[in-house]
PDB file of N, CA and C in Angstrom:
ATOM      1  N   MET A   1    -188.275 -68.323   2.102  1.00  0.00           N
ATOM      2  CA  MET A   1    -188.762 -68.581   3.445  1.00  0.00           C
ATOM      3  C   MET A   1    -187.583 -68.951   4.345  1.00  0.00           C
ATOM      4  N   MET A   2    -187.495 -68.283   5.463  1.00  0.00           N
ATOM      5  CA  MET A   2    -186.401 -68.498   6.415  1.00  0.00           C
ATOM      6  C   MET A   2    -186.720 -69.689   7.313  1.00  0.00           C
ATOM      7  N   ASN A   3    -185.681 -70.355   7.785  1.00  0.00           N
ATOM      8  CA  ASN A   3    -185.843 -71.474   8.696  1.00  0.00           C
ATOM      9  C   ASN A   3    -186.199 -70.947  10.087  1.00  0.00           C
ATOM     10  N   PRO A   4    -187.427 -71.168  10.574  1.00  0.00           N
ATOM     11  CA  PRO A   4    -187.817 -70.620  11.877  1.00  0.00           C
ATOM     12  C   PRO A   4    -187.176 -71.347  13.049  1.00  0.00           C
ATOM     13  N   TYR A   5    -186.510 -72.486  12.804  1.00  0.00           N
ATOM     14  CA  TYR A   5    -185.924 -73.257  13.888  1.00  0.00           C
ATOM     15  C   TYR A   5    -184.587 -72.691  14.362  1.00  0.00           C
ATOM     16  N   VAL A   6    -184.144 -71.595  13.761  1.00  0.00           N
ATOM     17  CA  VAL A   6    -182.939 -70.907  14.228  1.00  0.00           C
ATOM     18  C   VAL A   6    -183.183 -70.377  15.640  1.00  0.00           C
ATOM     19  N   ILE A   7    -184.392 -69.892  15.899  1.00  0.00           N
ATOM     20  CA  ILE A   7    -184.761 -69.364  17.209  1.00  0.00           C
ATOM     21  C   ILE A   7    -185.337 -70.509  18.033  1.00  0.00           C
ATOM     22  N   ARG A   8    -184.688 -70.830  19.172  1.00  0.00           N
ATOM     23  CA  ARG A   8    -185.198 -71.912  20.019  1.00  0.00           C
ATOM     24  C   ARG A   8    -186.316 -71.429  20.920  1.00  0.00           C
ATOM     25  N   LYS A   9    -186.050 -70.352  21.693  1.00  0.00           N
ATOM     26  CA  LYS A   9    -187.070 -69.848  22.611  1.00  0.00           C
ATOM     27  C   LYS A   9    -186.676 -68.470  23.102  1.00  0.00           C
ATOM     28  N   PRO A  10    -187.659 -67.673  23.507  1.00  0.00           N
ATOM     29  CA  PRO A  10    -187.330 -66.396  24.143  1.00  0.00           C
ATOM     30  C   PRO A  10    -186.843 -66.648  25.566  1.00  0.00           C
ATOM     31  N   VAL A  11    -185.918 -65.832  26.019  1.00  0.00           N
ATOM     32  CA  VAL A  11    -185.407 -65.940  27.385  1.00  0.00           C
ATOM     33  C   VAL A  11    -186.194 -64.946  28.237  1.00  0.00           C
ATOM     34  N   ILE A  12    -187.088 -65.471  29.091  1.00  0.00           N
ATOM     35  CA  ILE A  12    -187.940 -64.624  29.921  1.00  0.00           C
ATOM     36  C   ILE A  12    -187.400 -64.669  31.352  1.00  0.00           C
ATOM     37  N   THR A  13    -186.638 -63.646  31.709  1.00  0.00           N
ATOM     38  CA  THR A  13    -186.139 -63.492  33.064  1.00  0.00           C
ATOM     39  C   THR A  13    -186.427 -62.069  33.511  1.00  0.00           C
ATOM     40  N   GLU A  14    -186.187 -61.804  34.775  1.00  0.00           N
ATOM     41  CA  GLU A  14    -186.410 -60.460  35.293  1.00  0.00           C
ATOM     42  C   GLU A  14    -185.539 -59.443  34.541  1.00  0.00           C
ATOM     43  N   LYS A  15    -184.294 -59.805  34.318  1.00  0.00           N
ATOM     44  CA  LYS A  15    -183.370 -58.904  33.631  1.00  0.00           C
ATOM     45  C   LYS A  15    -183.768 -58.696  32.169  1.00  0.00           C
ATOM     46  N   SER A  16    -184.160 -59.764  31.474  1.00  0.00           N
ATOM     47  CA  SER A  16    -184.519 -59.626  30.061  1.00  0.00           C
ATOM     48  C   SER A  16    -185.809 -58.822  29.887  1.00  0.00           C
ATOM     49  N   LEU A  17    -186.754 -58.968  30.810  1.00  0.00           N
ATOM     50  CA  LEU A  17    -187.980 -58.170  30.734  1.00  0.00           C
ATOM     51  C   LEU A  17    -187.682 -56.696  30.987  1.00  0.00           C
ATOM     52  N   GLN A  18    -186.769 -56.416  31.895  1.00  0.00           N
ATOM     53  CA  GLN A  18    -186.391 -55.035  32.175  1.00  0.00           C
ATOM     54  C   GLN A  18    -185.702 -54.418  30.959  1.00  0.00           C
ATOM     55  N   ARG A  19    -184.808 -55.164  30.321  1.00  0.00           N
ATOM     56  CA  ARG A  19    -184.129 -54.649  29.119  1.00  0.00           C
ATOM     57  C   ARG A  19    -185.119 -54.432  27.980  1.00  0.00           C
ATOM     58  N   ALA A  20    -186.129 -55.301  27.882  1.00  0.00           N
ATOM     59  CA  ALA A  20    -187.135 -55.146  26.831  1.00  0.00           C
ATOM     60  C   ALA A  20    -187.937 -53.864  27.039  1.00  0.00           C
ATOM     61  N   ASN A  21    -188.293 -53.570  28.276  1.00  0.00           N
ATOM     62  CA  ASN A  21    -189.090 -52.373  28.560  1.00  0.00           C
ATOM     63  C   ASN A  21    -188.286 -51.090  28.459  1.00  0.00           C
ATOM     64  N   LEU A  22    -187.063 -51.081  28.970  1.00  0.00           N
ATOM     65  CA  LEU A  22    -186.276 -49.851  29.033  1.00  0.00           C
ATOM     66  C   LEU A  22    -185.442 -49.583  27.787  1.00  0.00           C
ATOM     67  N   GLU A  23    -184.790 -50.609  27.251  1.00  0.00           N
ATOM     68  CA  GLU A  23    -183.834 -50.415  26.166  1.00  0.00           C
ATOM     69  C   GLU A  23    -184.304 -50.954  24.809  1.00  0.00           C
ATOM     70  N   ASN A  24    -185.475 -51.609  24.770  1.00  0.00           N
ATOM     71  CA  ASN A  24    -186.006 -52.212  23.545  1.00  0.00           C
ATOM     72  C   ASN A  24    -185.080 -53.312  23.013  1.00  0.00           C
ATOM     73  N   ILE A  25    -184.453 -54.062  23.950  1.00  0.00           N
ATOM     74  CA  ILE A  25    -183.572 -55.179  23.599  1.00  0.00           C
ATOM     75  C   ILE A  25    -184.222 -56.473  24.083  1.00  0.00           C
ATOM     76  N   TYR A  26    -184.389 -57.430  23.163  1.00  0.00           N
ATOM     77  CA  TYR A  26    -185.061 -58.685  23.461  1.00  0.00           C
ATOM     78  C   TYR A  26    -184.056 -59.834  23.391  1.00  0.00           C
ATOM     79  N   THR A  27    -184.195 -60.813  24.283  1.00  0.00           N
ATOM     80  CA  THR A  27    -183.230 -61.900  24.412  1.00  0.00           C
ATOM     81  C   THR A  27    -183.848 -63.219  23.958  1.00  0.00           C
ATOM     82  N   PHE A  28    -183.105 -63.945  23.122  1.00  0.00           N
ATOM     83  CA  PHE A  28    -183.560 -65.242  22.608  1.00  0.00           C
ATOM     84  C   PHE A  28    -182.440 -66.256  22.719  1.00  0.00           C
ATOM     85  N   GLU A  29    -182.812 -67.522  22.965  1.00  0.00           N
ATOM     86  CA  GLU A  29    -181.856 -68.614  22.842  1.00  0.00           C
ATOM     87  C   GLU A  29    -181.941 -69.089  21.404  1.00  0.00           C
ATOM     88  N   VAL A  30    -180.791 -69.218  20.755  1.00  0.00           N
ATOM     89  CA  VAL A  30    -180.750 -69.563  19.330  1.00  0.00           C
ATOM     90  C   VAL A  30    -179.854 -70.778  19.114  1.00  0.00           C
ATOM     91  N   GLU A  31    -179.895 -71.331  17.911  1.00  0.00           N
ATOM     92  CA  GLU A  31    -179.024 -72.443  17.544  1.00  0.00           C
ATOM     93  C   GLU A  31    -177.573 -71.996  17.615  1.00  0.00           C
ATOM     94  N   ARG A  32    -176.699 -72.896  18.047  1.00  0.00           N
ATOM     95  CA  ARG A  32    -175.285 -72.535  18.182  1.00  0.00           C
ATOM     96  C   ARG A  32    -174.635 -72.205  16.849  1.00  0.00           C
ATOM     97  N   THR A  33    -175.123 -72.784  15.765  1.00  0.00           N
ATOM     98  CA  THR A  33    -174.508 -72.567  14.453  1.00  0.00           C
ATOM     99  C   THR A  33    -175.070 -71.357  13.722  1.00  0.00           C
ATOM    100  N   ALA A  34    -176.084 -70.703  14.288  1.00  0.00           N
ATOM    101  CA  ALA A  34    -176.735 -69.585  13.608  1.00  0.00           C
ATOM    102  C   ALA A  34    -175.848 -68.345  13.637  1.00  0.00           C
ATOM    103  N   ASP A  35    -175.764 -67.661  12.493  1.00  0.00           N
ATOM    104  CA  ASP A  35    -175.038 -66.401  12.474  1.00  0.00           C
ATOM    105  C   ASP A  35    -176.021 -65.240  12.592  1.00  0.00           C
ATOM    106  N   LYS A  36    -175.502 -64.023  12.687  1.00  0.00           N
ATOM    107  CA  LYS A  36    -176.347 -62.860  12.943  1.00  0.00           C
ATOM    108  C   LYS A  36    -177.346 -62.596  11.809  1.00  0.00           C
ATOM    109  N   ASN A  37    -176.951 -62.863  10.570  1.00  0.00           N
ATOM    110  CA  ASN A  37    -177.861 -62.648   9.438  1.00  0.00           C
ATOM    111  C   ASN A  37    -179.057 -63.600   9.500  1.00  0.00           C
ATOM    112  N   LYS A  38    -178.816 -64.866   9.841  1.00  0.00           N
ATOM    113  CA  LYS A  38    -179.908 -65.835   9.950  1.00  0.00           C
ATOM    114  C   LYS A  38    -180.830 -65.480  11.117  1.00  0.00           C
ATOM    115  N   ILE A  39    -180.241 -65.056  12.239  1.00  0.00           N
ATOM    116  CA  ILE A  39    -181.045 -64.672  13.404  1.00  0.00           C
ATOM    117  C   ILE A  39    -181.917 -63.472  13.067  1.00  0.00           C
ATOM    118  N   LYS A  40    -181.341 -62.482  12.416  1.00  0.00           N
ATOM    119  CA  LYS A  40    -182.081 -61.267  12.040  1.00  0.00           C
ATOM    120  C   LYS A  40    -183.258 -61.602  11.121  1.00  0.00           C
ATOM    121  N   ALA A  41    -183.006 -62.422  10.107  1.00  0.00           N
ATOM    122  CA  ALA A  41    -184.062 -62.797   9.165  1.00  0.00           C
ATOM    123  C   ALA A  41    -185.173 -63.571   9.867  1.00  0.00           C
ATOM    124  N   ALA A  42    -184.806 -64.478  10.768  1.00  0.00           N
ATOM    125  CA  ALA A  42    -185.813 -65.284  11.469  1.00  0.00           C
ATOM    126  C   ALA A  42    -186.668 -64.419  12.395  1.00  0.00           C
ATOM    127  N   ILE A  43    -186.060 -63.502  13.138  1.00  0.00           N
ATOM    128  CA  ILE A  43    -186.800 -62.617  14.048  1.00  0.00           C
ATOM    129  C   ILE A  43    -187.751 -61.723  13.259  1.00  0.00           C
ATOM    130  N   GLN A  44    -187.250 -61.132  12.181  1.00  0.00           N
ATOM    131  CA  GLN A  44    -188.089 -60.233  11.373  1.00  0.00           C
ATOM    132  C   GLN A  44    -189.267 -60.973  10.755  1.00  0.00           C
ATOM    133  N   GLU A  45    -189.059 -62.210  10.336  1.00  0.00           N
ATOM    134  CA  GLU A  45    -190.140 -62.978   9.723  1.00  0.00           C
ATOM    135  C   GLU A  45    -191.156 -63.463  10.761  1.00  0.00           C
ATOM    136  N   MET A  46    -190.661 -63.938  11.915  1.00  0.00           N
ATOM    137  CA  MET A  46    -191.557 -64.496  12.927  1.00  0.00           C
ATOM    138  C   MET A  46    -192.421 -63.431  13.595  1.00  0.00           C
ATOM    139  N   TYR A  47    -191.812 -62.299  13.936  1.00  0.00           N
ATOM    140  CA  TYR A  47    -192.509 -61.298  14.742  1.00  0.00           C
ATOM    141  C   TYR A  47    -192.906 -60.048  13.968  1.00  0.00           C
ATOM    142  N   LYS A  48    -192.583 -59.959  12.678  1.00  0.00           N
ATOM    143  CA  LYS A  48    -192.944 -58.813  11.827  1.00  0.00           C
ATOM    144  C   LYS A  48    -192.457 -57.501  12.431  1.00  0.00           C
ATOM    145  N   VAL A  49    -191.169 -57.452  12.776  1.00  0.00           N
ATOM    146  CA  VAL A  49    -190.525 -56.263  13.329  1.00  0.00           C
ATOM    147  C   VAL A  49    -189.250 -55.972  12.530  1.00  0.00           C
ATOM    148  N   HIS A  50    -188.622 -54.824  12.792  1.00  0.00           N
ATOM    149  CA  HIS A  50    -187.387 -54.448  12.117  1.00  0.00           C
ATOM    150  C   HIS A  50    -186.244 -54.472  13.128  1.00  0.00           C
ATOM    151  N   VAL A  51    -185.228 -55.298  12.866  1.00  0.00           N
ATOM    152  CA  VAL A  51    -184.091 -55.455  13.764  1.00  0.00           C
ATOM    153  C   VAL A  51    -183.037 -54.402  13.420  1.00  0.00           C
ATOM    154  N   VAL A  52    -182.564 -53.680  14.446  1.00  0.00           N
ATOM    155  CA  VAL A  52    -181.543 -52.651  14.263  1.00  0.00           C
ATOM    156  C   VAL A  52    -180.151 -53.217  14.536  1.00  0.00           C
ATOM    157  N   ASN A  53    -180.013 -54.025  15.605  1.00  0.00           N
ATOM    158  CA  ASN A  53    -178.704 -54.511  16.024  1.00  0.00           C
ATOM    159  C   ASN A  53    -178.849 -55.874  16.694  1.00  0.00           C
ATOM    160  N   ILE A  54    -177.811 -56.706  16.571  1.00  0.00           N
ATOM    161  CA  ILE A  54    -177.800 -58.010  17.234  1.00  0.00           C
ATOM    162  C   ILE A  54    -176.434 -58.218  17.880  1.00  0.00           C
ATOM    163  N   ASN A  55    -176.442 -58.632  19.145  1.00  0.00           N
ATOM    164  CA  ASN A  55    -175.242 -59.089  19.833  1.00  0.00           C
ATOM    165  C   ASN A  55    -175.474 -60.543  20.213  1.00  0.00           C
ATOM    166  N   THR A  56    -174.440 -61.380  20.055  1.00  0.00           N
ATOM    167  CA  THR A  56    -174.574 -62.786  20.421  1.00  0.00           C
ATOM    168  C   THR A  56    -173.581 -63.138  21.527  1.00  0.00           C
ATOM    169  N   VAL A  57    -173.978 -64.072  22.375  1.00  0.00           N
ATOM    170  CA  VAL A  57    -173.160 -64.514  23.497  1.00  0.00           C
ATOM    171  C   VAL A  57    -173.186 -66.034  23.531  1.00  0.00           C
ATOM    172  N   MET A  58    -171.998 -66.651  23.623  1.00  0.00           N
ATOM    173  CA  MET A  58    -171.920 -68.098  23.809  1.00  0.00           C
ATOM    174  C   MET A  58    -171.858 -68.368  25.308  1.00  0.00           C
ATOM    175  N   ARG A  59    -172.838 -69.114  25.814  1.00  0.00           N
ATOM    176  CA  ARG A  59    -172.862 -69.449  27.236  1.00  0.00           C
ATOM    177  C   ARG A  59    -172.167 -70.791  27.422  1.00  0.00           C
ATOM    178  N   PRO A  60    -171.248 -70.899  28.391  1.00  0.00           N
ATOM    179  CA  PRO A  60    -170.479 -72.142  28.550  1.00  0.00           C
ATOM    180  C   PRO A  60    -171.326 -73.279  29.103  1.00  0.00           C
ATOM    181  N   LYS A  61    -170.828 -74.502  28.903  1.00  0.00           N
ATOM    182  CA  LYS A  61    -171.511 -75.649  29.487  1.00  0.00           C
ATOM    183  C   LYS A  61    -171.288 -75.645  30.994  1.00  0.00           C
ATOM    184  N   LYS A  62    -172.239 -76.235  31.723  1.00  0.00           N
ATOM    185  CA  LYS A  62    -172.166 -76.246  33.178  1.00  0.00           C
ATOM    186  C   LYS A  62    -172.294 -77.664  33.699  1.00  0.00           C
ATOM    187  N   LYS A  63    -171.578 -77.949  34.788  1.00  0.00           N
ATOM    188  CA  LYS A  63    -171.693 -79.244  35.446  1.00  0.00           C
ATOM    189  C   LYS A  63    -172.720 -79.128  36.565  1.00  0.00           C
ATOM    190  N   LYS A  64    -173.537 -80.157  36.700  1.00  0.00           N
ATOM    191  CA  LYS A  64    -174.552 -80.191  37.744  1.00  0.00           C
ATOM    192  C   LYS A  64    -174.563 -81.582  38.353  1.00  0.00           C
ATOM    193  N   ARG A  65    -174.690 -81.662  39.678  1.00  0.00           N
ATOM    194  CA  ARG A  65    -174.755 -82.955  40.362  1.00  0.00           C
ATOM    195  C   ARG A  65    -176.194 -83.170  40.831  1.00  0.00           C
ATOM    196  N   THR A  66    -176.802 -84.275  40.387  1.00  0.00           N
ATOM    197  CA  THR A  66    -178.198 -84.534  40.721  1.00  0.00           C
ATOM    198  C   THR A  66    -178.399 -85.999  41.102  1.00  0.00           C
ATOM    199  N   GLY A  67    -179.538 -86.259  41.717  1.00  0.00           N
ATOM    200  CA  GLY A  67    -179.940 -87.625  42.031  1.00  0.00           C
ATOM    201  C   GLY A  67    -179.374 -88.113  43.349  1.00  0.00           C
ATOM    202  N   PRO A  68    -179.849 -89.270  43.803  1.00  0.00           N
ATOM    203  CA  PRO A  68    -179.409 -89.804  45.092  1.00  0.00           C
ATOM    204  C   PRO A  68    -177.928 -90.179  45.110  1.00  0.00           C
ATOM    205  N   LYS A  69    -177.355 -90.537  43.978  1.00  0.00           N
ATOM    206  CA  LYS A  69    -175.928 -90.892  43.927  1.00  0.00           C
ATOM    207  C   LYS A  69    -175.050 -89.705  43.557  1.00  0.00           C
ATOM    208  N   ARG A  70    -175.660 -88.525  43.402  1.00  0.00           N
ATOM    209  CA  ARG A  70    -174.954 -87.286  43.074  1.00  0.00           C
ATOM    210  C   ARG A  70    -174.111 -87.432  41.810  1.00  0.00           C
ATOM    211  N   MET A  71    -174.726 -88.023  40.792  1.00  0.00           N
ATOM    212  CA  MET A  71    -174.052 -88.200  39.512  1.00  0.00           C
ATOM    213  C   MET A  71    -173.893 -86.851  38.823  1.00  0.00           C
ATOM    214  N   THR A  72    -172.800 -86.681  38.103  1.00  0.00           N
ATOM    215  CA  THR A  72    -172.518 -85.430  37.415  1.00  0.00           C
ATOM    216  C   THR A  72    -173.120 -85.469  36.015  1.00  0.00           C
ATOM    217  N   SER A  73    -173.862 -84.428  35.676  1.00  0.00           N
ATOM    218  CA  SER A  73    -174.353 -84.274  34.312  1.00  0.00           C
ATOM    219  C   SER A  73    -173.863 -82.921  33.803  1.00  0.00           C
ATOM    220  N   VAL A  74    -173.664 -82.822  32.502  1.00  0.00           N
ATOM    221  CA  VAL A  74    -173.136 -81.604  31.899  1.00  0.00           C
ATOM    222  C   VAL A  74    -174.165 -81.056  30.932  1.00  0.00           C
ATOM    223  N   SER A  75    -174.531 -79.778  31.109  1.00  0.00           N
ATOM    224  CA  SER A  75    -175.445 -79.137  30.168  1.00  0.00           C
ATOM    225  C   SER A  75    -174.648 -78.671  28.956  1.00  0.00           C
ATOM    226  N   ALA A  76    -175.278 -78.607  27.827  1.00  0.00           N
ATOM    227  CA  ALA A  76    -174.606 -78.239  26.585  1.00  0.00           C
ATOM    228  C   ALA A  76    -174.344 -76.737  26.522  1.00  0.00           C
ATOM    229  N   LYS A  77    -173.388 -76.359  25.673  1.00  0.00           N
ATOM    230  CA  LYS A  77    -173.160 -74.945  25.411  1.00  0.00           C
ATOM    231  C   LYS A  77    -174.385 -74.394  24.689  1.00  0.00           C
ATOM    232  N   THR A  78    -174.763 -73.176  25.012  1.00  0.00           N
ATOM    233  CA  THR A  78    -175.891 -72.552  24.325  1.00  0.00           C
ATOM    234  C   THR A  78    -175.476 -71.190  23.811  1.00  0.00           C
ATOM    235  N   LYS A  79    -176.260 -70.666  22.884  1.00  0.00           N
ATOM    236  CA  LYS A  79    -175.993 -69.357  22.305  1.00  0.00           C
ATOM    237  C   LYS A  79    -177.195 -68.468  22.565  1.00  0.00           C
ATOM    238  N   LYS A  80    -176.922 -67.239  22.970  1.00  0.00           N
ATOM    239  CA  LYS A  80    -177.972 -66.286  23.294  1.00  0.00           C
ATOM    240  C   LYS A  80    -177.817 -65.092  22.357  1.00  0.00           C
ATOM    241  N   ALA A  81    -178.934 -64.571  21.855  1.00  0.00           N
ATOM    242  CA  ALA A  81    -178.915 -63.400  20.981  1.00  0.00           C
ATOM    243  C   ALA A  81    -179.677 -62.261  21.653  1.00  0.00           C
ATOM    244  N   LEU A  82    -179.048 -61.087  21.705  1.00  0.00           N
ATOM    245  CA  LEU A  82    -179.683 -59.878  22.221  1.00  0.00           C
ATOM    246  C   LEU A  82    -180.043 -59.026  21.011  1.00  0.00           C
ATOM    247  N   VAL A  83    -181.344 -58.844  20.772  1.00  0.00           N
ATOM    248  CA  VAL A  83    -181.836 -58.223  19.557  1.00  0.00           C
ATOM    249  C   VAL A  83    -182.447 -56.860  19.886  1.00  0.00           C
ATOM    250  N   LYS A  84    -181.925 -55.806  19.258  1.00  0.00           N
ATOM    251  CA  LYS A  84    -182.467 -54.461  19.454  1.00  0.00           C
ATOM    252  C   LYS A  84    -183.387 -54.140  18.287  1.00  0.00           C
ATOM    253  N   LEU A  85    -184.593 -53.671  18.613  1.00  0.00           N
ATOM    254  CA  LEU A  85    -185.589 -53.371  17.591  1.00  0.00           C
ATOM    255  C   LEU A  85    -185.670 -51.876  17.327  1.00  0.00           C
ATOM    256  N   ARG A  86    -186.320 -51.541  16.215  1.00  0.00           N
ATOM    257  CA  ARG A  86    -186.573 -50.145  15.872  1.00  0.00           C
ATOM    258  C   ARG A  86    -187.446 -49.507  16.950  1.00  0.00           C
ATOM    259  N   LYS A  87    -187.236 -48.245  17.219  1.00  0.00           N
ATOM    260  CA  LYS A  87    -187.966 -47.531  18.272  1.00  0.00           C
ATOM    261  C   LYS A  87    -189.473 -47.615  18.026  1.00  0.00           C
ATOM    262  N   GLY A  88    -190.216 -47.949  19.067  1.00  0.00           N
ATOM    263  CA  GLY A  88    -191.668 -48.042  18.980  1.00  0.00           C
ATOM    264  C   GLY A  88    -192.188 -49.440  18.691  1.00  0.00           C
ATOM    265  N   GLU A  89    -191.324 -50.366  18.272  1.00  0.00           N
ATOM    266  CA  GLU A  89    -191.760 -51.732  17.980  1.00  0.00           C
ATOM    267  C   GLU A  89    -191.569 -52.612  19.212  1.00  0.00           C
ATOM    268  N   VAL A  90    -192.485 -53.562  19.400  1.00  0.00           N
ATOM    269  CA  VAL A  90    -192.407 -54.465  20.547  1.00  0.00           C
ATOM    270  C   VAL A  90    -192.683 -55.895  20.089  1.00  0.00           C
ATOM    271  N   ILE A  91    -192.249 -56.853  20.911  1.00  0.00           N
ATOM    272  CA  ILE A  91    -192.567 -58.267  20.714  1.00  0.00           C
ATOM    273  C   ILE A  91    -193.497 -58.649  21.853  1.00  0.00           C
ATOM    274  N   ASP A  92    -194.684 -59.139  21.532  1.00  0.00           N
ATOM    275  CA  ASP A  92    -195.736 -59.380  22.526  1.00  0.00           C
ATOM    276  C   ASP A  92    -195.380 -60.427  23.565  1.00  0.00           C
ATOM    277  N   VAL A  93    -194.486 -61.361  23.239  1.00  0.00           N
ATOM    278  CA  VAL A  93    -194.104 -62.409  24.179  1.00  0.00           C
ATOM    279  C   VAL A  93    -193.504 -61.811  25.453  1.00  0.00           C
ATOM    280  N   PHE A  94    -192.810 -60.679  25.314  1.00  0.00           N
ATOM    281  CA  PHE A  94    -192.131 -60.050  26.450  1.00  0.00           C
ATOM    282  C   PHE A  94    -193.009 -59.052  27.196  1.00  0.00           C
ATOM    283  N   ASP A  95    -194.249 -58.853  26.772  1.00  0.00           N
ATOM    284  CA  ASP A  95    -195.138 -57.891  27.419  1.00  0.00           C
ATOM    285  C   ASP A  95    -195.851 -58.578  28.577  1.00  0.00           C
ATOM    286  N   ILE A  96    -195.528 -58.160  29.804  1.00  0.00           N
ATOM    287  CA  ILE A  96    -196.160 -58.773  30.977  1.00  0.00           C
ATOM    288  C   ILE A  96    -197.391 -57.996  31.413  1.00  0.00           C
ATOM    289  N   GLY A  97    -197.538 -56.795  30.907  1.00  0.00           N
ATOM    290  CA  GLY A  97    -198.726 -55.985  31.215  1.00  0.00           C
ATOM    291  C   GLY A  97    -198.762 -55.491  32.637  1.00  0.00           C
ATOM    292  N   GLY A  98    -199.606 -54.492  32.880  1.00  0.00           N
ATOM    293  CA  GLY A  98    -199.811 -53.969  34.214  1.00  0.00           C
ATOM    294  C   GLY A  98    -198.708 -53.071  34.723  1.00  0.00           C
ATOM    295  N   ASP A  99    -197.639 -52.853  33.940  1.00  0.00           N
ATOM    296  CA  ASP A  99    -196.560 -52.014  34.422  1.00  0.00           C
ATOM    297  C   ASP A  99    -196.624 -50.592  33.881  1.00  0.00           C
ATOM    298  N   LYS A 100    -197.638 -50.264  33.137  1.00  0.00           N
ATOM    299  CA  LYS A 100    -197.730 -48.907  32.568  1.00  0.00           C
ATOM    300  C   LYS A 100    -198.890 -48.152  33.127  1.00  0.00           C
TER     301      LYS A 100
END
């Protein structure tokens, strides 16, 4: 049994939905320590699909100023995985419907 906590959440943006519909590439935020083999196993187990290719991207930490005193807070580094599935397979989380 694979550790399902490797996958944090799907990234649902306008760009990621477009890539899911046109290129069959789905975007997920994953644990920073996860490698491609762990990500592939977790995706295949969670969504019952076949992964063809995975690209990973490390997103840098960002500074943000918030609050009445404009205090600086820093967001953590995150890792994003772009997962390409076998032709004809879909992940329902990314299906917004009404576009076909």
